[in-house]
C-alpha atoms as a PDB file:
ATOM      1  CA  MET A   1     -30.829 -94.608  13.414  1.00  0.00           C
ATOM      2  CA  THR A   2     -28.177 -93.900  10.921  1.00  0.00           C
ATOM      3  CA  THR A   3     -24.840 -94.919  11.334  1.00  0.00           C
ATOM      4  CA  PRO A   4     -22.474 -91.808  12.260  1.00  0.00           C
ATOM      5  CA  VAL A   5     -19.423 -91.358  10.050  1.00  0.00           C
ATOM      6  CA  LEU A   6     -16.438 -90.012  12.014  1.00  0.00           C
ATOM      7  CA  LYS A   7     -14.206 -88.090   9.668  1.00  0.00           C
ATOM      8  CA  VAL A   8     -10.265 -88.910  10.761  1.00  0.00           C
ATOM      9  CA  LEU A   9      -7.566 -86.465   9.846  1.00  0.00           C
ATOM     10  CA  TRP A  10      -3.541 -87.456  10.373  1.00  0.00           C
ATOM     11  CA  GLU A  11      -1.557 -85.215  12.631  1.00  0.00           C
ATOM     12  CA  GLU A  12       1.492 -84.081  11.174  1.00  0.00           C
ATOM     13  CA  GLY A  13       4.254 -86.460  11.555  1.00  0.00           C
ATOM     14  CA  ALA A  14       2.094 -89.480  12.552  1.00  0.00           C
ATOM     15  CA  ASP A  15       2.865 -92.794  11.327  1.00  0.00           C
ATOM     16  CA  ARG A  16       0.146 -93.432   8.627  1.00  0.00           C
ATOM     17  CA  ASP A  17       0.880 -97.148   8.750  1.00  0.00           C
ATOM     18  CA  VAL A  18      -0.620 -97.559  12.076  1.00  0.00           C
ATOM     19  CA  VAL A  19      -3.949 -98.623  11.995  1.00  0.00           C
ATOM     20  CA  LEU A  20      -7.216 -96.433  12.455  1.00  0.00           C
ATOM     21  CA  PRO A  21      -9.554 -97.148  15.004  1.00  0.00           C
ATOM     22  CA  ALA A  22     -11.205-100.809  14.095  1.00  0.00           C
ATOM     23  CA  TYR A  23     -13.380-103.035  15.354  1.00  0.00           C
ATOM     24  CA  GLU A  24     -11.944-106.225  16.068  1.00  0.00           C
ATOM     25  CA  THR A  25     -14.834-108.320  16.306  1.00  0.00           C
ATOM     26  CA  GLU A  26     -18.219-108.289  14.546  1.00  0.00           C
ATOM     27  CA  GLY A  27     -19.982-107.915  17.559  1.00  0.00           C
ATOM     28  CA  ALA A  28     -17.698-105.030  19.567  1.00  0.00           C
ATOM     29  CA  ALA A  29     -19.066-102.326  20.872  1.00  0.00           C
ATOM     30  CA  GLY A  30     -15.796-100.352  21.303  1.00  0.00           C
ATOM     31  CA  ALA A  31     -13.140 -99.705  18.273  1.00  0.00           C
ATOM     32  CA  ASP A  32      -9.438-100.066  19.410  1.00  0.00           C
ATOM     33  CA  ILE A  33      -7.175 -97.205  19.115  1.00  0.00           C
ATOM     34  CA  ARG A  34      -3.401 -97.187  19.036  1.00  0.00           C
ATOM     35  CA  ALA A  35      -0.400 -95.405  20.171  1.00  0.00           C
ATOM     36  CA  ASN A  36       0.876 -93.429  17.286  1.00  0.00           C
ATOM     37  CA  LEU A  37       4.113 -92.081  18.925  1.00  0.00           C
ATOM     38  CA  PRO A  38       6.416 -89.100  17.806  1.00  0.00           C
ATOM     39  CA  VAL A  39       9.563 -90.276  15.914  1.00  0.00           C
ATOM     40  CA  ASP A  40      12.021 -89.344  18.867  1.00  0.00           C
ATOM     41  CA  VAL A  41      10.341 -92.080  20.848  1.00  0.00           C
ATOM     42  CA  ARG A  42       9.098 -94.717  18.574  1.00  0.00           C
ATOM     43  CA  ASP A  43      11.796 -97.297  18.902  1.00  0.00           C
ATOM     44  CA  LYS A  44      12.049 -97.092  22.743  1.00  0.00           C
ATOM     45  CA  GLY A  45       8.287 -96.553  23.597  1.00  0.00           C
ATOM     46  CA  VAL A  46       6.527 -94.640  26.512  1.00  0.00           C
ATOM     47  CA  THR A  47       7.301 -96.014  30.088  1.00  0.00           C
ATOM     48  CA  LEU A  48       4.696 -95.449  32.869  1.00  0.00           C
ATOM     49  CA  ALA A  49       5.823 -96.039  36.260  1.00  0.00           C
ATOM     50  CA  PRO A  50       3.564 -97.147  38.940  1.00  0.00           C
ATOM     51  CA  MET A  51       0.923 -94.453  39.637  1.00  0.00           C
ATOM     52  CA  GLU A  52       2.257 -92.285  37.001  1.00  0.00           C
ATOM     53  CA  ARG A  53      -0.216 -90.865  34.380  1.00  0.00           C
ATOM     54  CA  GLN A  54       0.524 -89.600  30.729  1.00  0.00           C
ATOM     55  CA  ILE A  55      -1.005 -88.690  27.423  1.00  0.00           C
ATOM     56  CA  VAL A  56      -0.500 -91.013  24.532  1.00  0.00           C
ATOM     57  CA  PRO A  57      -0.828 -89.655  21.361  1.00  0.00           C
ATOM     58  CA  THR A  58      -3.048 -91.589  18.528  1.00  0.00           C
ATOM     59  CA  GLY A  59      -1.729 -89.204  15.727  1.00  0.00           C
ATOM     60  CA  PHE A  60      -5.324 -88.081  14.328  1.00  0.00           C
ATOM     61  CA  ARG A  61      -8.028 -85.511  14.699  1.00  0.00           C
ATOM     62  CA  VAL A  62     -11.712 -86.696  14.613  1.00  0.00           C
ATOM     63  CA  GLU A  63     -14.666 -84.886  13.554  1.00  0.00           C
ATOM     64  CA  ILE A  64     -17.710 -86.201  14.966  1.00  0.00           C
ATOM     65  CA  PRO A  65     -21.173 -85.698  13.654  1.00  0.00           C
ATOM     66  CA  ARG A  66     -23.536 -83.197  15.779  1.00  0.00           C
ATOM     67  CA  GLY A  67     -25.600 -85.578  18.070  1.00  0.00           C
ATOM     68  CA  PHE A  68     -23.077 -87.973  19.228  1.00  0.00           C
ATOM     69  CA  GLU A  69     -19.857 -87.964  21.401  1.00  0.00           C
ATOM     70  CA  MET A  70     -16.936 -90.399  21.180  1.00  0.00           C
ATOM     71  CA  GLN A  71     -16.322 -92.114  24.870  1.00  0.00           C
ATOM     72  CA  ILE A  72     -12.501 -93.330  25.449  1.00  0.00           C
ATOM     73  CA  ARG A  73     -12.432 -96.567  27.686  1.00  0.00           C
ATOM     74  CA  PRO A  74      -9.779 -98.753  29.045  1.00  0.00           C
ATOM     75  CA  ARG A  75      -9.078-102.198  27.632  1.00  0.00           C
ATOM     76  CA  SER A  76      -9.823-104.729  30.194  1.00  0.00           C
ATOM     77  CA  GLY A  77      -6.847-106.739  29.245  1.00  0.00           C
ATOM     78  CA  LEU A  78      -4.435-104.232  29.708  1.00  0.00           C
ATOM     79  CA  ALA A  79      -6.360-103.108  33.070  1.00  0.00           C
ATOM     80  CA  LEU A  80      -6.340-106.772  34.310  1.00  0.00           C
ATOM     81  CA  THR A  81      -2.859-107.778  33.341  1.00  0.00           C
ATOM     82  CA  HIS A  82      -0.912-104.767  33.880  1.00  0.00           C
ATOM     83  CA  GLY A  83      -2.911-102.094  35.749  1.00  0.00           C
ATOM     84  CA  ILE A  84      -3.172 -99.689  32.809  1.00  0.00           C
ATOM     85  CA  THR A  85      -6.620 -97.906  32.727  1.00  0.00           C
ATOM     86  CA  LEU A  86      -7.589 -94.384  32.450  1.00  0.00           C
ATOM     87  CA  PRO A  87      -8.292 -91.973  35.464  1.00  0.00           C
ATOM     88  CA  ASN A  88     -11.112 -90.485  33.855  1.00  0.00           C
ATOM     89  CA  THR A  89     -13.091 -93.084  32.118  1.00  0.00           C
ATOM     90  CA  PRO A  90     -14.985 -92.762  30.529  1.00  0.00           C
ATOM     91  CA  GLY A  91     -13.125 -89.968  28.529  1.00  0.00           C
ATOM     92  CA  THR A  92     -15.677 -87.905  26.576  1.00  0.00           C
ATOM     93  CA  ILE A  93     -14.794 -86.319  23.076  1.00  0.00           C
ATOM     94  CA  ASP A  94     -17.428 -83.671  22.124  1.00  0.00           C
ATOM     95  CA  SER A  95     -18.836 -83.248  18.596  1.00  0.00           C
ATOM     96  CA  ASP A  96     -17.480 -79.589  18.481  1.00  0.00           C
ATOM     97  CA  TYR A  97     -13.815 -80.674  19.439  1.00  0.00           C
ATOM     98  CA  ARG A  98     -11.168 -80.765  16.567  1.00  0.00           C
ATOM     99  CA  GLY A  99      -7.513 -81.031  18.371  1.00  0.00           C
ATOM    100  CA  PRO A 100      -5.160 -83.972  18.585  1.00  0.00           C
ATOM    101  CA  LEU A 101      -6.734 -86.915  20.360  1.00  0.00           C
ATOM    102  CA  GLY A 102      -4.625 -88.190  23.147  1.00  0.00           C
ATOM    103  CA  VAL A 103      -5.482 -90.698  25.707  1.00  0.00           C
ATOM    104  CA  VAL A 104      -4.516 -90.224  29.292  1.00  0.00           C
ATOM    105  CA  LEU A 105      -3.216 -93.532  30.674  1.00  0.00           C
ATOM    106  CA  VAL A 106      -2.149 -94.064  34.315  1.00  0.00           C
ATOM    107  CA  ASN A 107      -0.268 -97.179  35.588  1.00  0.00           C
ATOM    108  CA  LEU A 108      -1.866 -98.522  38.640  1.00  0.00           C
ATOM    109  CA  GLY A 109       0.185-101.551  38.583  1.00  0.00           C
ATOM    110  CA  ALA A 110       3.361-102.460  40.736  1.00  0.00           C
ATOM    111  CA  GLU A 111       5.688-102.554  37.577  1.00  0.00           C
ATOM    112  CA  PRO A 112       6.645 -99.883  35.007  1.00  0.00           C
ATOM    113  CA  TYR A 113       4.643-100.394  31.792  1.00  0.00           C
ATOM    114  CA  THR A 114       6.002 -99.506  28.386  1.00  0.00           C
ATOM    115  CA  VAL A 115       3.593 -98.506  25.656  1.00  0.00           C
ATOM    116  CA  ARG A 116       5.050 -99.199  22.313  1.00  0.00           C
ATOM    117  CA  HIS A 117       4.502 -97.708  19.150  1.00  0.00           C
ATOM    118  CA  GLY A 118       1.248 -99.362  17.608  1.00  0.00           C
ATOM    119  CA  ASP A 119       0.126-100.612  20.953  1.00  0.00           C
ATOM    120  CA  ARG A 120      -3.908-100.835  21.326  1.00  0.00           C
ATOM    121  CA  ILE A 121      -4.213 -98.508  24.054  1.00  0.00           C
ATOM    122  CA  ALA A 122      -7.953 -97.789  24.789  1.00  0.00           C
ATOM    123  CA  GLN A 123     -11.331 -98.287  22.785  1.00  0.00           C
ATOM    124  CA  ILE A 124     -13.675 -95.780  21.781  1.00  0.00           C
ATOM    125  CA  ILE A 125     -17.601 -96.024  21.940  1.00  0.00           C
ATOM    126  CA  VAL A 126     -19.768 -93.883  19.530  1.00  0.00           C
ATOM    127  CA  ALA A 127     -23.015 -92.910  21.236  1.00  0.00           C
ATOM    128  CA  PRO A 128     -25.937 -90.551  20.696  1.00  0.00           C
ATOM    129  CA  VAL A 129     -26.028 -87.274  23.072  1.00  0.00           C
ATOM    130  CA  VAL A 130     -29.245 -85.801  24.735  1.00  0.00           C
ATOM    131  CA  GLN A 131     -28.826 -82.266  25.784  1.00  0.00           C
ATOM    132  CA  ALA A 132     -31.264 -81.638  28.728  1.00  0.00           C
ATOM    133  CA  GLN A 133     -32.850 -78.368  29.943  1.00  0.00           C
ATOM    134  CA  PHE A 134     -31.983 -77.245  33.392  1.00  0.00           C
ATOM    135  CA  GLN A 135     -35.222 -75.839  35.378  1.00  0.00           C
ATOM    136  CA  VAL A 136     -34.995 -74.246  38.681  1.00  0.00           C
ATOM    137  CA  VAL A 137     -38.144 -75.722  41.178  1.00  0.00           C
ATOM    138  CA  GLU A 138     -38.796 -75.377  45.070  1.00  0.00           C
ATOM    139  CA  VAL A 139     -39.529 -79.241  45.682  1.00  0.00           C
ATOM    140  CA  LEU A 140     -38.406 -82.545  43.729  1.00  0.00           C
ATOM    141  CA  ASP A 141     -40.762 -85.476  43.119  1.00  0.00           C
ATOM    142  CA  GLU A 142     -40.747 -88.078  46.166  1.00  0.00           C
ATOM    143  CA  THR A 143     -39.692 -91.481  45.407  1.00  0.00           C
ATOM    144  CA  ALA A 144     -39.027 -94.519  47.752  1.00  0.00           C
ATOM    145  CA  ARG A 145     -35.138 -94.045  47.650  1.00  0.00           C
ATOM    146  CA  GLY A 146     -35.586 -90.616  48.617  1.00  0.00           C
ATOM    147  CA  ALA A 147     -32.180 -88.943  49.600  1.00  0.00           C
ATOM    148  CA  GLY A 148     -30.377 -92.397  50.125  1.00  0.00           C
ATOM    149  CA  GLY A 149     -27.103 -92.278  48.811  1.00  0.00           C
ATOM    150  CA  PHE A 150     -23.873 -94.341  48.878  1.00  0.00           C
ATOM    151  CA  GLY A 151     -24.222 -97.854  49.849  1.00  0.00           C
ATOM    152  CA  SER A 152     -28.622 -97.058  50.694  1.00  0.00           C
ATOM    153  CA  THR A 153     -30.095 -99.537  48.309  1.00  0.00           C
ATOM    154  CA  GLY A 154     -28.109-102.843  49.738  1.00  0.00           C
ATOM    155  CA  ARG A 155     -24.594-104.144  50.716  1.00  0.00           C
ATOM    156  CA  ASN A 156     -21.690-101.531  51.002  1.00  0.00           C
END
């Protein structure tokens, strides 16, 4: 498989000194993305009260090659230390989306949390996409599990 190339376009007004997505270690699966806040809030940051959700801008748009998606995932350190995560994890950016890239953050912690300009707020995973076909049938093949749902294969 060839390495996909994501084209990045800065948003108007974005701080071009904020680091673009980057893999922090040689073995990293996810590239960290950073908050690129509007000029009027760069000094004070964006504060999330407990249980509050906000879209935090990254300052760029992407062009993802057809046949790939970009998943937005939480950063484990923010989740563990402060309760900051993504309510729709993983978020999916489709290859035909060309709008601004914002990250929906939620504060599940007990204290307000301030996202500062340039903070690492999430990570992206680029993955291949397979589009399935859907076929209506009269019966499905039987399996050992059958219709067993939540908790049916072991401890709840």
